């Protein structure tokens, strides 16, 4: 009896400590976003003095009014949205169609192991930036939306996860479908995909976040700043490589100079750029957690 009480107390203590740790970790993750929001809503002089912590000082919405009038920001936003939709569709299609045959055993698909290791090899070793740039240039897709999508059309990490998702499904389902006369294409779209929605949603979240947050490929594959995705545009503004937009507005509307600053405008842009992912993630969270658990189980 005493041992049972001791175990119950130990489990309760662990749960309390775990909850406290996770709460502190969550607060730590939220603090940078709260600081950026407070900075974007603060007065120009106070923000330039570096006096903003977690609460806005001298609330000022002019930075958001300024962003709503900048065509470059919304142009980058539009390109990023197009990139996410096209990239998500192409990535999911290729991942699902490649993972299905590779999820079979060696008896059903001879040479499966060699093909899997071929894909895994690309995760460990890469040709480098220069061969990638030359490949994109030789295929005539430079300075187009396809230069942001096609080089990573088949993400191998997501492919490995999808293979594991498919391998958790009972083999009896496929065998009964084959007996009834169904082909592999029917089995994939009528059985495997409906039963793997948790895994597909998990991979869709990875793909969406990856495409939305990617910025480096936009810098190297786009010759014109007008074709920059949102994150590439924000990167150039934040590090000060190009800030022609702010300079143009300050020169044409000198009165705005007294209301906004470079820091508040950058903070407002960063916060607005994070809103789409923050809005999508809660709807996919339950599939994300379930998908990770399914992917960790193998037959």
Protein backbone atom coordinates (compact mmCIF):
# COMPACT_ATOMS: atom_id res chain seq x y z
CA UNK A 1 0.00 0.00 0.00
CA UNK A 2 2.81 2.36 0.91
CA UNK A 3 4.55 1.57 -2.37
CA UNK A 4 1.39 2.44 -4.33
CA UNK A 5 1.09 5.76 -2.49
CA UNK A 6 4.77 6.48 -3.16
CA UNK A 7 4.37 5.79 -6.88
CA UNK A 8 1.24 7.94 -7.02
CA UNK A 9 3.06 10.80 -5.29
CA UNK A 10 6.08 10.44 -7.57
CA UNK A 11 3.89 10.50 -10.68
CA UNK A 12 2.00 13.54 -9.39
CA UNK A 13 5.25 15.35 -8.63
CA UNK A 14 6.58 14.53 -12.09
CA UNK A 15 3.39 15.77 -13.75
CA UNK A 16 3.51 19.06 -11.83
CA UNK A 17 7.18 19.58 -12.66
CA UNK A 18 6.53 18.70 -16.30
CA UNK A 19 3.63 21.17 -16.54
CA UNK A 20 5.71 23.95 -14.98
CA UNK A 21 8.61 23.24 -17.35
CA UNK A 22 6.38 23.22 -20.44
CA UNK A 23 4.65 26.44 -19.34
CA UNK A 24 8.01 28.16 -18.89
CA UNK A 25 9.15 26.84 -22.27
CA UNK A 26 5.95 28.12 -23.91
CA UNK A 27 6.39 31.55 -22.35
CA UNK A 28 10.00 31.64 -23.57
CA UNK A 29 8.84 30.92 -27.12
CA UNK A 30 6.15 33.60 -26.95
CA UNK A 31 8.30 36.38 -25.51
CA UNK A 32 10.09 37.26 -28.80
CA UNK A 33 6.78 37.53 -30.65
CA UNK A 34 5.29 39.66 -27.87
CA UNK A 35 8.34 41.93 -27.99
CA UNK A 36 8.05 42.33 -31.78
CA UNK A 37 4.35 43.18 -31.45
CA UNK A 38 5.05 45.71 -28.71
CA UNK A 39 7.82 47.28 -30.78
CA UNK A 40 5.59 47.59 -33.83
CA UNK A 41 2.92 49.41 -31.78
CA UNK A 42 5.27 51.77 -29.96
CA UNK A 43 6.15 55.40 -30.47
CA UNK A 44 9.04 56.15 -32.84
CA UNK A 45 11.28 57.93 -30.33
CA UNK A 46 10.83 55.34 -27.60
CA UNK A 47 11.47 52.49 -30.05
CA UNK A 48 14.63 54.13 -31.39
CA UNK A 49 15.88 54.57 -27.82
CA UNK A 50 15.55 50.81 -27.23
CA UNK A 51 13.18 51.19 -24.27
CA UNK A 52 10.56 48.67 -25.43
CA UNK A 53 10.30 45.38 -23.57
CA UNK A 54 7.01 43.46 -23.61
CA UNK A 55 4.51 46.30 -23.59
CA UNK A 56 4.07 49.05 -26.19
CA UNK A 57 4.97 52.57 -25.16
CA UNK A 58 3.01 55.41 -26.70
CA UNK A 59 0.73 53.26 -28.86
CA UNK A 60 1.16 54.10 -32.54
CA UNK A 61 -0.50 52.32 -35.48
CA UNK A 62 1.24 54.34 -38.20
CA UNK A 63 3.68 51.53 -38.98
CA UNK A 64 0.79 49.25 -39.94
CA UNK A 65 -0.84 52.05 -41.95
CA UNK A 66 2.44 52.47 -43.80
CA UNK A 67 2.71 48.74 -44.59
CA UNK A 68 -0.84 48.65 -45.92
CA UNK A 69 0.22 51.23 -48.52
CA UNK A 70 3.46 49.53 -49.63
CA UNK A 71 3.13 47.56 -52.84
CA UNK A 72 6.43 45.67 -52.42
CA UNK A 73 5.33 44.05 -49.16
CA UNK A 74 2.03 42.81 -50.57
CA UNK A 75 3.70 41.73 -53.79
CA UNK A 76 6.07 39.55 -51.78
CA UNK A 77 3.11 38.31 -49.74
CA UNK A 78 1.29 37.33 -52.94
CA UNK A 79 4.31 35.49 -54.31
CA UNK A 80 4.74 33.59 -51.03
CA UNK A 81 1.08 32.54 -51.04
CA UNK A 82 1.37 31.28 -54.63
CA UNK A 83 4.57 29.48 -53.73
CA UNK A 84 2.96 27.76 -50.73
CA UNK A 85 -0.06 26.52 -52.71
CA UNK A 86 1.95 25.29 -55.71
CA UNK A 87 4.74 23.86 -53.57
CA UNK A 88 2.31 22.11 -51.24
CA UNK A 89 0.43 20.48 -54.12
CA UNK A 90 3.57 19.33 -55.97
CA UNK A 91 5.41 18.19 -52.84
CA UNK A 92 2.48 16.19 -51.49
CA UNK A 93 1.78 14.55 -54.85
CA UNK A 94 5.38 13.46 -55.37
CA UNK A 95 5.87 12.37 -51.75
CA UNK A 96 2.71 10.24 -51.70
CA UNK A 97 3.32 8.64 -55.10
CA UNK A 98 6.95 7.87 -54.25
CA UNK A 99 6.30 6.64 -50.72
CA UNK A 100 3.63 4.13 -51.75
CA UNK A 101 5.88 1.73 -53.74
CA UNK A 102 8.80 2.24 -51.34
CA UNK A 103 6.63 1.21 -48.40
CA UNK A 104 6.40 -2.35 -49.80
CA UNK A 105 8.72 -5.14 -48.76
CA UNK A 106 11.50 -6.48 -50.96
CA UNK A 107 9.35 -9.37 -52.14
CA UNK A 108 6.72 -7.07 -53.57
CA UNK A 109 9.17 -4.50 -54.95
CA UNK A 110 12.62 -5.76 -55.82
CA UNK A 111 15.37 -3.20 -55.46
CA UNK A 112 13.34 -1.15 -52.97
CA UNK A 113 16.22 -1.01 -50.47
CA UNK A 114 18.66 0.43 -53.01
CA UNK A 115 16.21 3.11 -54.07
CA UNK A 116 15.52 4.10 -50.47
CA UNK A 117 19.24 4.42 -49.78
CA UNK A 118 19.58 6.47 -52.95
CA UNK A 119 17.16 9.01 -51.49
CA UNK A 120 18.76 8.86 -48.03
CA UNK A 121 22.16 9.56 -49.63
CA UNK A 122 20.83 12.92 -50.82
CA UNK A 123 20.02 13.82 -47.21
CA UNK A 124 23.61 13.18 -46.12
CA UNK A 125 25.51 14.61 -49.08
CA UNK A 126 24.76 17.46 -51.47
CA UNK A 127 26.39 18.87 -54.57
CA UNK A 128 26.63 22.37 -53.14
CA UNK A 129 25.24 25.76 -54.03
CA UNK A 130 27.10 26.29 -57.31
CA UNK A 131 25.86 23.06 -59.01
CA UNK A 132 22.35 23.85 -57.78
CA UNK A 133 22.53 27.35 -59.23
CA UNK A 134 23.88 26.04 -62.54
CA UNK A 135 21.11 23.44 -62.72
CA UNK A 136 18.40 26.01 -62.14
CA UNK A 137 19.99 28.33 -64.70
CA UNK A 138 20.34 25.61 -67.34
CA UNK A 139 16.68 24.63 -67.00
CA UNK A 140 15.61 28.22 -67.85
CA UNK A 141 13.56 28.72 -64.71
CA UNK A 142 15.64 31.52 -63.19
CA UNK A 143 13.63 34.49 -61.95
CA UNK A 144 10.38 32.48 -62.02
CA UNK A 145 8.21 30.95 -59.33
CA UNK A 146 9.34 27.47 -60.43
CA UNK A 147 12.89 28.19 -59.28
CA UNK A 148 11.49 28.33 -55.74
CA UNK A 149 9.52 25.08 -56.03
CA UNK A 150 11.09 22.54 -58.38
CA UNK A 151 14.60 22.23 -56.80
CA UNK A 152 12.96 20.90 -53.62
CA UNK A 153 9.97 19.21 -55.22
CA UNK A 154 10.61 15.91 -53.41
CA UNK A 155 11.71 16.55 -49.79
CA UNK A 156 13.37 13.32 -48.69
CA UNK A 157 12.74 13.84 -44.97
CA UNK A 158 8.99 14.03 -45.60
CA UNK A 159 9.30 11.03 -47.91
CA UNK A 160 10.81 8.92 -45.11
CA UNK A 161 7.98 9.96 -42.78
CA UNK A 162 5.37 9.07 -45.40
CA UNK A 163 6.96 5.65 -45.97
CA UNK A 164 6.68 4.93 -42.25
CA UNK A 165 3.05 6.12 -42.22
CA UNK A 166 2.14 3.74 -45.05
CA UNK A 167 3.98 0.83 -43.44
CA UNK A 168 1.81 1.11 -40.31
CA UNK A 169 -1.31 0.28 -42.32
CA UNK A 170 -2.41 -3.37 -42.18
CA UNK A 171 -1.27 -5.38 -45.18
CA UNK A 172 -4.58 -7.26 -45.14
CA UNK A 173 -6.32 -4.16 -46.52
CA UNK A 174 -4.16 -4.19 -49.63
CA UNK A 175 -4.42 -7.96 -50.04
CA UNK A 176 -8.22 -7.92 -49.85
CA UNK A 177 -8.36 -5.05 -52.35
CA UNK A 178 -6.10 -6.94 -54.77
CA UNK A 179 -8.33 -10.01 -54.47
CA UNK A 180 -11.36 -7.85 -55.33
CA UNK A 181 -9.58 -6.71 -58.50
CA UNK A 182 -8.37 -3.29 -57.44
CA UNK A 183 -5.11 -1.98 -58.87
CA UNK A 184 -2.35 -0.18 -57.05
CA UNK A 185 -3.59 3.22 -58.21
CA UNK A 186 -7.03 2.50 -56.71
CA UNK A 187 -5.49 1.14 -53.52
CA UNK A 188 -3.39 4.26 -53.11
CA UNK A 189 -6.19 6.80 -53.59
CA UNK A 190 -9.10 4.83 -52.10
CA UNK A 191 -7.40 3.14 -49.12
CA UNK A 192 -3.94 4.44 -48.26
CA UNK A 193 -4.54 8.17 -48.56
CA UNK A 194 -7.85 8.29 -46.60
CA UNK A 195 -6.28 6.24 -43.80
CA UNK A 196 -3.13 8.39 -43.72
CA UNK A 197 -4.69 11.84 -43.37
CA UNK A 198 -2.92 12.41 -40.05
CA UNK A 199 0.44 11.77 -41.65
CA UNK A 200 -0.41 13.81 -44.72
CA UNK A 201 -1.53 16.73 -42.54
CA UNK A 202 1.74 16.54 -40.61
CA UNK A 203 3.79 16.62 -43.79
CA UNK A 204 1.58 19.39 -45.19
CA UNK A 205 2.41 21.49 -42.13
CA UNK A 206 6.15 20.88 -42.61
CA UNK A 207 5.92 21.80 -46.28
CA UNK A 208 3.85 24.92 -45.65
CA UNK A 209 6.17 26.25 -42.97
CA UNK A 210 9.22 25.40 -45.07
CA UNK A 211 8.00 27.24 -48.15
CA UNK A 212 6.68 30.21 -46.18
CA UNK A 213 9.88 30.73 -44.16
CA UNK A 214 12.34 30.09 -47.00
CA UNK A 215 14.26 33.21 -48.02
CA UNK A 216 17.73 32.25 -49.29
CA UNK A 217 16.58 30.66 -52.53
CA UNK A 218 14.69 33.82 -53.39
CA UNK A 219 17.89 35.84 -53.10
CA UNK A 220 19.97 33.58 -55.35
CA UNK A 221 17.35 32.54 -57.93
CA UNK A 222 15.57 35.86 -58.41
CA UNK A 223 17.30 38.52 -60.48
CA UNK A 224 14.62 41.13 -59.81
CA UNK A 225 13.49 42.25 -56.36
CA UNK A 226 9.94 42.39 -57.71
CA UNK A 227 9.96 38.57 -57.78
CA UNK A 228 11.15 38.17 -54.20
CA UNK A 229 8.93 36.11 -51.91
CA UNK A 230 7.94 37.79 -48.68
CA UNK A 231 10.70 36.33 -46.50
CA UNK A 232 13.41 37.30 -49.00
CA UNK A 233 12.06 40.84 -49.09
CA UNK A 234 11.95 41.00 -45.29
CA UNK A 235 15.48 39.66 -45.04
CA UNK A 236 16.83 42.40 -47.28
CA UNK A 237 15.00 45.02 -45.24
CA UNK A 238 16.04 43.65 -41.86
CA UNK A 239 19.76 43.33 -42.59
CA UNK A 240 19.76 46.61 -44.51
CA UNK A 241 20.83 45.25 -47.90
CA UNK A 242 18.06 47.17 -49.64
CA UNK A 243 15.68 49.61 -48.02
CA UNK A 244 14.70 51.61 -51.06
CA UNK A 245 11.03 51.34 -50.22
CA UNK A 246 11.40 53.07 -46.86
CA UNK A 247 13.68 55.71 -48.39
CA UNK A 248 11.16 56.37 -51.14
CA UNK A 249 8.31 56.83 -48.70
CA UNK A 250 10.38 59.05 -46.42
CA UNK A 251 11.40 61.26 -49.34
CA UNK A 252 7.87 61.58 -50.69
CA UNK A 253 6.01 61.77 -47.35
CA UNK A 254 8.34 63.58 -45.00
CA UNK A 255 5.58 63.95 -42.40
CA UNK A 256 5.54 60.18 -41.89
CA UNK A 257 9.16 60.36 -40.76
CA UNK A 258 8.00 61.95 -37.52
CA UNK A 259 5.56 59.11 -36.79
CA UNK A 260 7.35 55.86 -37.73
CA UNK A 261 10.88 54.54 -37.61
CA UNK A 262 12.83 51.83 -39.36
CA UNK A 263 12.59 49.58 -36.30
CA UNK A 264 8.83 49.84 -35.87
CA UNK A 265 8.20 49.23 -39.57
CA UNK A 266 10.41 46.13 -39.60
CA UNK A 267 8.70 44.79 -36.46
CA UNK A 268 5.26 45.34 -38.01
CA UNK A 269 6.31 43.53 -41.21
CA UNK A 270 7.68 40.56 -39.26
CA UNK A 271 4.52 40.26 -37.17
CA UNK A 272 2.21 40.42 -40.20
CA UNK A 273 4.34 37.81 -42.01
CA UNK A 274 3.97 35.40 -39.06
CA UNK A 275 0.17 35.69 -38.86
CA UNK A 276 -0.68 33.14 -41.64
CA UNK A 277 1.36 30.35 -40.01
CA UNK A 278 0.00 31.21 -36.56
CA UNK A 279 -3.53 31.03 -38.01
CA UNK A 280 -3.03 27.69 -39.77
CA UNK A 281 -1.14 25.77 -37.09
CA UNK A 282 -3.98 25.43 -34.50
CA UNK A 283 -6.17 23.65 -37.07
CA UNK A 284 -3.42 21.12 -37.88
CA UNK A 285 -2.08 20.63 -34.36
CA UNK A 286 -4.14 17.53 -33.53
CA UNK A 287 -3.09 15.90 -36.83
CA UNK A 288 0.49 16.97 -36.21
CA UNK A 289 0.73 15.22 -32.83
CA UNK A 290 -1.09 12.11 -34.06
CA UNK A 291 0.99 11.97 -37.22
CA UNK A 292 4.28 12.07 -35.35
CA UNK A 293 3.17 9.16 -33.14
CA UNK A 294 2.09 7.11 -36.16
CA UNK A 295 5.36 7.79 -37.92
CA UNK A 296 7.34 6.43 -34.99
CA UNK A 297 5.73 2.97 -35.13
CA UNK A 298 6.99 0.34 -37.54
CA UNK A 299 5.76 -3.15 -38.23
